[in-house]
């Protein structure tokens, strides 16, 4: 062997208990600082329910929705490419009432072309009232659920289900 050849020394890394403690504390700190509640978006909708008498034995069940600024809900006839989740209302069987027609909506609809959706779409921002005309006797209790989806310009929240109860005066 030539005199200038010198074998390289092997580098040995010792994993002392202090290194394990440092690694463990770093992982624990990262885990504790993560908070999934910060990533959740609060429901920007506020629903109220009321009954209005229109004639003897005839009533309007009203579902009123108030939305926070920047949010909207699709119309019952939204148009577009058909991927919008429209509000739906399901009444529990067994109540002594008879629906008259379908649920209607009232408010200030917005119809426009939106990026990412084919065709024009119709939605409500700020507020909308859904009305179901019924025939019922006083004292009747009507229950059910309604499903809806709230969106803004960036995202749509997952569909939500809410229960409702009406008592005919």
C-alpha atoms as a PDB file:
ATOM      1  CA  UNK A   1       0.000   0.000   0.000  1.00  0.00           C
ATOM      2  CA  UNK A   2       1.216   3.414  -0.794  1.00  0.00           C
ATOM      3  CA  UNK A   3       2.209   5.542   2.131  1.00  0.00           C
ATOM      4  CA  UNK A   4      -0.374   8.224   1.315  1.00  0.00           C
ATOM      5  CA  UNK A   5      -3.350   5.845   1.629  1.00  0.00           C
ATOM      6  CA  UNK A   6      -5.233   6.254   4.804  1.00  0.00           C
ATOM      7  CA  UNK A   7      -8.507   4.439   5.426  1.00  0.00           C
ATOM      8  CA  UNK A   8     -11.424   6.695   6.317  1.00  0.00           C
ATOM      9  CA  UNK A   9     -12.695   6.453   9.819  1.00  0.00           C
ATOM     10  CA  UNK A  10     -16.236   5.219  10.201  1.00  0.00           C
ATOM     11  CA  UNK A  11     -18.614   7.825  11.489  1.00  0.00           C
ATOM     12  CA  UNK A  12     -20.636   6.517  14.375  1.00  0.00           C
ATOM     13  CA  UNK A  13     -23.807   8.259  15.490  1.00  0.00           C
ATOM     14  CA  UNK A  14     -24.820   7.559  19.006  1.00  0.00           C
ATOM     15  CA  UNK A  15     -28.521   7.798  19.791  1.00  0.00           C
ATOM     16  CA  UNK A  16     -28.456   8.847  23.374  1.00  0.00           C
ATOM     17  CA  UNK A  17     -31.568   9.143  25.522  1.00  0.00           C
ATOM     18  CA  UNK A  18     -31.406  12.939  25.137  1.00  0.00           C
ATOM     19  CA  UNK A  19     -31.836  12.638  21.368  1.00  0.00           C
ATOM     20  CA  UNK A  20     -34.909  10.437  21.847  1.00  0.00           C
ATOM     21  CA  UNK A  21     -36.347  12.880  24.363  1.00  0.00           C
ATOM     22  CA  UNK A  22     -35.777  15.794  21.951  1.00  0.00           C
ATOM     23  CA  UNK A  23     -37.429  13.948  19.064  1.00  0.00           C
ATOM     24  CA  UNK A  24     -40.365  12.883  21.214  1.00  0.00           C
ATOM     25  CA  UNK A  25     -40.940  16.396  22.577  1.00  0.00           C
ATOM     26  CA  UNK A  26     -40.866  17.878  19.041  1.00  0.00           C
ATOM     27  CA  UNK A  27     -43.481  15.384  17.847  1.00  0.00           C
ATOM     28  CA  UNK A  28     -45.641  16.018  20.943  1.00  0.00           C
ATOM     29  CA  UNK A  29     -45.473  19.783  20.423  1.00  0.00           C
ATOM     30  CA  UNK A  30     -46.492  19.433  16.758  1.00  0.00           C
ATOM     31  CA  UNK A  31     -49.400  17.174  17.685  1.00  0.00           C
ATOM     32  CA  UNK A  32     -50.663  19.484  20.431  1.00  0.00           C
ATOM     33  CA  UNK A  33     -50.488  22.596  18.251  1.00  0.00           C
ATOM     34  CA  UNK A  34     -52.747  21.076  15.575  1.00  0.00           C
ATOM     35  CA  UNK A  35     -56.366  22.024  16.198  1.00  0.00           C
ATOM     36  CA  UNK A  36     -59.012  20.597  13.838  1.00  0.00           C
ATOM     37  CA  UNK A  37     -61.631  23.008  15.230  1.00  0.00           C
ATOM     38  CA  UNK A  38     -59.838  25.895  13.545  1.00  0.00           C
ATOM     39  CA  UNK A  39     -60.402  24.276  10.155  1.00  0.00           C
ATOM     40  CA  UNK A  40     -64.161  23.933  10.583  1.00  0.00           C
ATOM     41  CA  UNK A  41     -66.467  26.552   9.103  1.00  0.00           C
ATOM     42  CA  UNK A  42     -69.432  27.546  11.206  1.00  0.00           C
ATOM     43  CA  UNK A  43     -72.870  27.130   9.627  1.00  0.00           C
ATOM     44  CA  UNK A  44     -73.671  30.535   8.067  1.00  0.00           C
ATOM     45  CA  UNK A  45     -77.431  29.882   8.057  1.00  0.00           C
ATOM     46  CA  UNK A  46     -80.148  30.730  10.569  1.00  0.00           C
ATOM     47  CA  UNK A  47     -83.554  29.079  10.098  1.00  0.00           C
ATOM     48  CA  UNK A  48     -86.856  30.142  11.672  1.00  0.00           C
ATOM     49  CA  UNK A  49     -90.226  28.423  11.316  1.00  0.00           C
ATOM     50  CA  UNK A  50     -93.732  29.864  11.525  1.00  0.00           C
ATOM     51  CA  UNK A  51     -97.368  29.069  10.706  1.00  0.00           C
ATOM     52  CA  UNK A  52     -99.741  31.584   9.105  1.00  0.00           C
ATOM     53  CA  UNK A  53    -103.467  31.028   8.834  1.00  0.00           C
ATOM     54  CA  UNK A  54    -104.762  31.917   5.360  1.00  0.00           C
ATOM     55  CA  UNK A  55    -108.386  30.708   5.715  1.00  0.00           C
ATOM     56  CA  UNK A  56    -110.422  28.408   7.939  1.00  0.00           C
ATOM     57  CA  UNK A  57    -108.467  25.131   7.984  1.00  0.00           C
ATOM     58  CA  UNK A  58    -105.814  26.424   5.540  1.00  0.00           C
ATOM     59  CA  UNK A  59    -102.307  27.373   6.639  1.00  0.00           C
ATOM     60  CA  UNK A  60     -98.888  28.290   5.280  1.00  0.00           C
ATOM     61  CA  UNK A  61     -95.868  26.602   6.831  1.00  0.00           C
ATOM     62  CA  UNK A  62     -92.977  29.039   6.414  1.00  0.00           C
ATOM     63  CA  UNK A  63     -89.295  28.167   6.518  1.00  0.00           C
ATOM     64  CA  UNK A  64     -87.289  31.417   6.679  1.00  0.00           C
ATOM     65  CA  UNK A  65     -83.563  31.408   6.045  1.00  0.00           C
ATOM     66  CA  UNK A  66     -81.118  34.212   6.854  1.00  0.00           C
ATOM     67  CA  UNK A  67     -77.580  33.874   5.492  1.00  0.00           C
ATOM     68  CA  UNK A  68     -74.355  35.551   6.519  1.00  0.00           C
ATOM     69  CA  UNK A  69     -72.722  37.917   4.046  1.00  0.00           C
ATOM     70  CA  UNK A  70     -71.076  36.148   1.089  1.00  0.00           C
ATOM     71  CA  UNK A  71     -73.087  32.903   1.320  1.00  0.00           C
ATOM     72  CA  UNK A  72     -75.955  31.655  -0.842  1.00  0.00           C
ATOM     73  CA  UNK A  73     -78.393  28.756  -1.180  1.00  0.00           C
ATOM     74  CA  UNK A  74     -79.513  27.266  -4.465  1.00  0.00           C
ATOM     75  CA  UNK A  75     -83.001  27.961  -5.764  1.00  0.00           C
ATOM     76  CA  UNK A  76     -85.532  25.137  -6.022  1.00  0.00           C
ATOM     77  CA  UNK A  77     -84.939  25.458  -9.803  1.00  0.00           C
ATOM     78  CA  UNK A  78     -81.240  26.339  -9.951  1.00  0.00           C
ATOM     79  CA  UNK A  79     -80.562  25.680 -13.634  1.00  0.00           C
ATOM     80  CA  UNK A  80     -76.880  25.135 -14.412  1.00  0.00           C
ATOM     81  CA  UNK A  81     -75.369  21.720 -15.022  1.00  0.00           C
ATOM     82  CA  UNK A  82     -77.597  19.837 -12.563  1.00  0.00           C
ATOM     83  CA  UNK A  83     -74.941  19.224  -9.901  1.00  0.00           C
ATOM     84  CA  UNK A  84     -76.367  21.740  -7.423  1.00  0.00           C
ATOM     85  CA  UNK A  85     -77.981  20.292  -4.302  1.00  0.00           C
ATOM     86  CA  UNK A  86     -81.332  22.013  -3.968  1.00  0.00           C
ATOM     87  CA  UNK A  87     -83.283  22.410  -0.726  1.00  0.00           C
ATOM     88  CA  UNK A  88     -85.673  19.540  -0.036  1.00  0.00           C
ATOM     89  CA  UNK A  89     -88.425  19.223   2.569  1.00  0.00           C
ATOM     90  CA  UNK A  90     -89.649  15.889   3.950  1.00  0.00           C
ATOM     91  CA  UNK A  91     -92.693  15.664   6.214  1.00  0.00           C
ATOM     92  CA  UNK A  92     -93.031  12.809   8.691  1.00  0.00           C
ATOM     93  CA  UNK A  93     -95.916  10.436   7.896  1.00  0.00           C
ATOM     94  CA  UNK A  94     -98.876  10.185  10.209  1.00  0.00           C
ATOM     95  CA  UNK A  95     -99.679  13.842  10.830  1.00  0.00           C
ATOM     96  CA  UNK A  96    -103.286  14.783  10.067  1.00  0.00           C
ATOM     97  CA  UNK A  97    -102.630  17.353   7.366  1.00  0.00           C
ATOM     98  CA  UNK A  98    -102.802  17.523   3.595  1.00  0.00           C
ATOM     99  CA  UNK A  99    -100.204  19.425   1.539  1.00  0.00           C
ATOM    100  CA  UNK A 100    -101.577  21.660  -1.206  1.00  0.00           C
ATOM    101  CA  UNK A 101     -99.105  21.675  -4.050  1.00  0.00           C
ATOM    102  CA  UNK A 102     -95.331  21.849  -3.723  1.00  0.00           C
ATOM    103  CA  UNK A 103     -93.037  23.993  -1.613  1.00  0.00           C
ATOM    104  CA  UNK A 104     -92.623  27.478  -3.118  1.00  0.00           C
ATOM    105  CA  UNK A 105     -89.883  30.049  -2.570  1.00  0.00           C
ATOM    106  CA  UNK A 106     -89.863  33.822  -2.293  1.00  0.00           C
ATOM    107  CA  UNK A 107     -87.076  36.350  -2.003  1.00  0.00           C
ATOM    108  CA  UNK A 108     -84.663  38.173  -4.309  1.00  0.00           C
ATOM    109  CA  UNK A 109     -83.159  35.533  -6.613  1.00  0.00           C
ATOM    110  CA  UNK A 110     -79.829  36.092  -8.349  1.00  0.00           C
ATOM    111  CA  UNK A 111     -79.388  34.529 -11.791  1.00  0.00           C
ATOM    112  CA  UNK A 112     -75.931  34.581 -13.368  1.00  0.00           C
ATOM    113  CA  UNK A 113     -73.155  32.519 -14.922  1.00  0.00           C
ATOM    114  CA  UNK A 114     -70.729  31.170 -12.324  1.00  0.00           C
ATOM    115  CA  UNK A 115     -67.213  29.937 -12.952  1.00  0.00           C
ATOM    116  CA  UNK A 116     -67.036  26.132 -12.987  1.00  0.00           C
ATOM    117  CA  UNK A 117     -70.766  25.648 -13.679  1.00  0.00           C
ATOM    118  CA  UNK A 118     -72.226  25.256 -17.147  1.00  0.00           C
ATOM    119  CA  UNK A 119     -75.072  27.652 -17.912  1.00  0.00           C
ATOM    120  CA  UNK A 120     -76.818  30.204 -15.754  1.00  0.00           C
ATOM    121  CA  UNK A 121     -77.668  29.357 -12.150  1.00  0.00           C
ATOM    122  CA  UNK A 122     -80.221  30.834  -9.752  1.00  0.00           C
ATOM    123  CA  UNK A 123     -79.632  31.222  -6.034  1.00  0.00           C
ATOM    124  CA  UNK A 124     -80.612  33.339  -3.028  1.00  0.00           C
ATOM    125  CA  UNK A 125     -78.237  35.345  -0.902  1.00  0.00           C
ATOM    126  CA  UNK A 126     -79.099  37.121   2.350  1.00  0.00           C
ATOM    127  CA  UNK A 127     -82.598  35.594   2.810  1.00  0.00           C
ATOM    128  CA  UNK A 128     -85.293  33.393   1.327  1.00  0.00           C
ATOM    129  CA  UNK A 129     -88.650  32.057   2.528  1.00  0.00           C
ATOM    130  CA  UNK A 130     -89.931  28.611   1.575  1.00  0.00           C
ATOM    131  CA  UNK A 131     -93.689  28.068   1.949  1.00  0.00           C
ATOM    132  CA  UNK A 132     -95.771  24.889   1.998  1.00  0.00           C
ATOM    133  CA  UNK A 133     -99.543  25.394   1.837  1.00  0.00           C
ATOM    134  CA  UNK A 134    -101.508  22.833   3.848  1.00  0.00           C
ATOM    135  CA  UNK A 135    -104.971  21.907   5.093  1.00  0.00           C
ATOM    136  CA  UNK A 136    -105.070  20.877   8.752  1.00  0.00           C
ATOM    137  CA  UNK A 137    -107.024  21.035  11.990  1.00  0.00           C
ATOM    138  CA  UNK A 138    -105.971  23.215  14.916  1.00  0.00           C
ATOM    139  CA  UNK A 139    -103.615  21.450  17.312  1.00  0.00           C
ATOM    140  CA  UNK A 140    -102.007  19.310  14.620  1.00  0.00           C
ATOM    141  CA  UNK A 141     -98.262  18.826  15.105  1.00  0.00           C
ATOM    142  CA  UNK A 142     -96.245  18.531  11.899  1.00  0.00           C
ATOM    143  CA  UNK A 143     -92.642  17.344  11.981  1.00  0.00           C
ATOM    144  CA  UNK A 144     -90.016  16.506   9.416  1.00  0.00           C
ATOM    145  CA  UNK A 145     -86.580  17.379   8.106  1.00  0.00           C
ATOM    146  CA  UNK A 146     -85.173  19.566   5.409  1.00  0.00           C
ATOM    147  CA  UNK A 147     -81.886  19.202   3.584  1.00  0.00           C
ATOM    148  CA  UNK A 148     -79.930  22.082   2.072  1.00  0.00           C
ATOM    149  CA  UNK A 149     -76.478  23.150   0.946  1.00  0.00           C
ATOM    150  CA  UNK A 150     -74.886  26.544   1.552  1.00  0.00           C
ATOM    151  CA  UNK A 151     -72.128  27.858  -0.740  1.00  0.00           C
ATOM    152  CA  UNK A 152     -69.903  30.878  -1.196  1.00  0.00           C
ATOM    153  CA  UNK A 153     -67.689  31.858  -4.144  1.00  0.00           C
ATOM    154  CA  UNK A 154     -64.948  29.431  -3.098  1.00  0.00           C
ATOM    155  CA  UNK A 155     -66.668  26.321  -1.735  1.00  0.00           C
ATOM    156  CA  UNK A 156     -69.887  24.549  -0.858  1.00  0.00           C
ATOM    157  CA  UNK A 157     -70.411  23.134   2.604  1.00  0.00           C
ATOM    158  CA  UNK A 158     -71.546  19.511   2.891  1.00  0.00           C
ATOM    159  CA  UNK A 159     -75.331  19.105   2.740  1.00  0.00           C
ATOM    160  CA  UNK A 160     -76.988  19.666   6.116  1.00  0.00           C
ATOM    161  CA  UNK A 161     -80.157  18.131   7.571  1.00  0.00           C
ATOM    162  CA  UNK A 162     -82.310  19.998  10.081  1.00  0.00           C
ATOM    163  CA  UNK A 163     -85.434  18.876  11.870  1.00  0.00           C
ATOM    164  CA  UNK A 164     -88.494  21.094  12.102  1.00  0.00           C
ATOM    165  CA  UNK A 165     -91.738  21.117  14.086  1.00  0.00           C
ATOM    166  CA  UNK A 166     -94.881  23.127  13.391  1.00  0.00           C
ATOM    167  CA  UNK A 167     -97.900  23.272  15.699  1.00  0.00           C
ATOM    168  CA  UNK A 168    -101.097  24.474  14.038  1.00  0.00           C
ATOM    169  CA  UNK A 169    -102.726  27.113  16.286  1.00  0.00           C
END
